[in-house]
C-alpha atoms as a PDB file:
ATOM      1  CA  MET A   1       9.437  -7.942  -5.174  1.00  0.00           C
ATOM      2  CA  GLY A   2      10.883  -6.457  -8.410  1.00  0.00           C
ATOM      3  CA  ASP A   3      12.716  -3.199  -7.684  1.00  0.00           C
ATOM      4  CA  TRP A   4      11.631  -3.301  -3.931  1.00  0.00           C
ATOM      5  CA  VAL A   5      13.476  -4.942  -1.071  1.00  0.00           C
ATOM      6  CA  VAL A   6      11.488  -6.060   1.689  1.00  0.00           C
ATOM      7  CA  ARG A   7      13.052  -4.986   5.125  1.00  0.00           C
ATOM      8  CA  HIS A   8      10.825  -6.090   8.093  1.00  0.00           C
ATOM      9  CA  VAL A   9       7.160  -6.498   9.184  1.00  0.00           C
ATOM     10  CA  ILE A  10       5.913  -3.239  10.866  1.00  0.00           C
ATOM     11  CA  ALA A  11       2.257  -4.502  11.345  1.00  0.00           C
ATOM     12  CA  LYS A  12       0.199  -7.773  11.517  1.00  0.00           C
ATOM     13  CA  GLY A  13      -3.318  -8.047  10.955  1.00  0.00           C
ATOM     14  CA  ALA A  14      -6.122 -10.623  10.326  1.00  0.00           C
ATOM     15  CA  PHE A  15      -5.487 -10.772   6.681  1.00  0.00           C
ATOM     16  CA  GLY A  16      -1.813 -10.272   6.264  1.00  0.00           C
ATOM     17  CA  HIS A  17       1.107  -8.262   7.192  1.00  0.00           C
ATOM     18  CA  VAL A  18       2.549  -4.732   6.358  1.00  0.00           C
ATOM     19  CA  TYR A  19       6.326  -4.517   5.500  1.00  0.00           C
ATOM     20  CA  VAL A  20       8.808  -1.719   5.274  1.00  0.00           C
ATOM     21  CA  VAL A  21      10.363  -1.944   1.779  1.00  0.00           C
ATOM     22  CA  THR A  22      13.033   0.059   0.058  1.00  0.00           C
ATOM     23  CA  HIS A  23      13.353   0.835  -3.635  1.00  0.00           C
ATOM     24  CA  THR A  24      16.668  -0.523  -4.955  1.00  0.00           C
ATOM     25  CA  HIS A  25      17.438   2.433  -7.283  1.00  0.00           C
ATOM     26  CA  THR A  26      16.514   5.444  -5.204  1.00  0.00           C
ATOM     27  CA  GLY A  27      16.703   4.076  -1.616  1.00  0.00           C
ATOM     28  CA  LYS A  28      13.303   5.482  -0.742  1.00  0.00           C
ATOM     29  CA  ALA A  29      11.375   3.768   1.987  1.00  0.00           C
ATOM     30  CA  ALA A  30       7.731   2.723   1.530  1.00  0.00           C
ATOM     31  CA  ALA A  31       5.047   0.434   3.057  1.00  0.00           C
ATOM     32  CA  ALA A  32       3.788  -2.614   1.274  1.00  0.00           C
ATOM     33  CA  LYS A  33       0.770  -4.713   2.352  1.00  0.00           C
ATOM     34  CA  GLU A  34       0.522  -8.375   1.955  1.00  0.00           C
ATOM     35  CA  LEU A  35      -2.977  -9.804   2.004  1.00  0.00           C
ATOM     36  CA  TRP A  36      -3.816 -13.438   2.391  1.00  0.00           C
ATOM     37  CA  ARG A  37      -7.017 -14.270   0.357  1.00  0.00           C
ATOM     38  CA  THR A  38      -8.822 -17.525   1.281  1.00  0.00           C
ATOM     39  CA  PRO A  39     -12.270 -18.675   0.426  1.00  0.00           C
ATOM     40  CA  LEU A  40     -13.355 -17.886   3.919  1.00  0.00           C
ATOM     41  CA  ASN A  41     -12.021 -14.178   3.995  1.00  0.00           C
ATOM     42  CA  SER A  42     -12.243 -13.266   0.181  1.00  0.00           C
ATOM     43  CA  ARG A  43     -15.160 -10.887   0.786  1.00  0.00           C
ATOM     44  CA  ASN A  44     -13.357  -8.939   3.437  1.00  0.00           C
ATOM     45  CA  VAL A  45     -10.110  -8.998   1.593  1.00  0.00           C
ATOM     46  CA  ASP A  46     -11.771  -7.718  -1.483  1.00  0.00           C
ATOM     47  CA  GLU A  47     -13.252  -4.859   0.524  1.00  0.00           C
ATOM     48  CA  GLU A  48      -9.787  -3.961   1.949  1.00  0.00           C
ATOM     49  CA  VAL A  49      -8.386  -3.865  -1.541  1.00  0.00           C
ATOM     50  CA  SER A  50     -11.164  -1.645  -2.744  1.00  0.00           C
ATOM     51  CA  MET A  51     -10.756   0.671   0.233  1.00  0.00           C
ATOM     52  CA  ALA A  52      -7.029   0.999  -0.449  1.00  0.00           C
ATOM     53  CA  LYS A  53      -7.550   1.795  -4.093  1.00  0.00           C
ATOM     54  CA  TYR A  54     -10.066   4.420  -3.197  1.00  0.00           C
ATOM     55  CA  LEU A  55      -7.608   6.131  -0.724  1.00  0.00           C
ATOM     56  CA  LEU A  56      -4.924   6.007  -3.157  1.00  0.00           C
ATOM     57  CA  LEU A  57      -6.908   7.792  -5.711  1.00  0.00           C
ATOM     58  CA  ARG A  58      -7.916  10.397  -3.309  1.00  0.00           C
ATOM     59  CA  ILE A  59      -4.343  10.983  -2.173  1.00  0.00           C
ATOM     60  CA  LYS A  60      -3.278  11.407  -5.672  1.00  0.00           C
ATOM     61  CA  HIS A  61      -6.201  13.845  -6.362  1.00  0.00           C
ATOM     62  CA  VAL A  62      -5.218  15.917  -3.137  1.00  0.00           C
ATOM     63  CA  CYS A  63      -1.529  15.954  -4.230  1.00  0.00           C
ATOM     64  CA  GLU A  64      -2.339  17.153  -7.618  1.00  0.00           C
ATOM     65  CA  CYS A  65      -4.648  19.825  -6.325  1.00  0.00           C
ATOM     66  CA  LEU A  66      -1.949  21.041  -3.928  1.00  0.00           C
ATOM     67  CA  GLN A  67       0.572  20.972  -6.767  1.00  0.00           C
ATOM     68  CA  ASN A  68      -1.810  23.091  -9.108  1.00  0.00           C
ATOM     69  CA  CYS A  69      -2.161  25.490  -6.100  1.00  0.00           C
ATOM     70  CA  GLN A  70       1.612  26.087  -6.096  1.00  0.00           C
ATOM     71  CA  ASP A  71       1.865  26.781  -9.808  1.00  0.00           C
END
């Protein structure tokens, strides 16, 4: 996975797994979600991806707001 090393599964779901990953240069840990898209579940997986994108944008916005409050 590029600069990330997959460590182990931390969750299993109907559409895939979530793994602990570690960045090779910084050593920082993160979570990576693997989704299995099939013709039968493609709509649900697409909704899952859309929701994750939305949440990431919201988190980014909150972090930027908090950083601006500290400046």
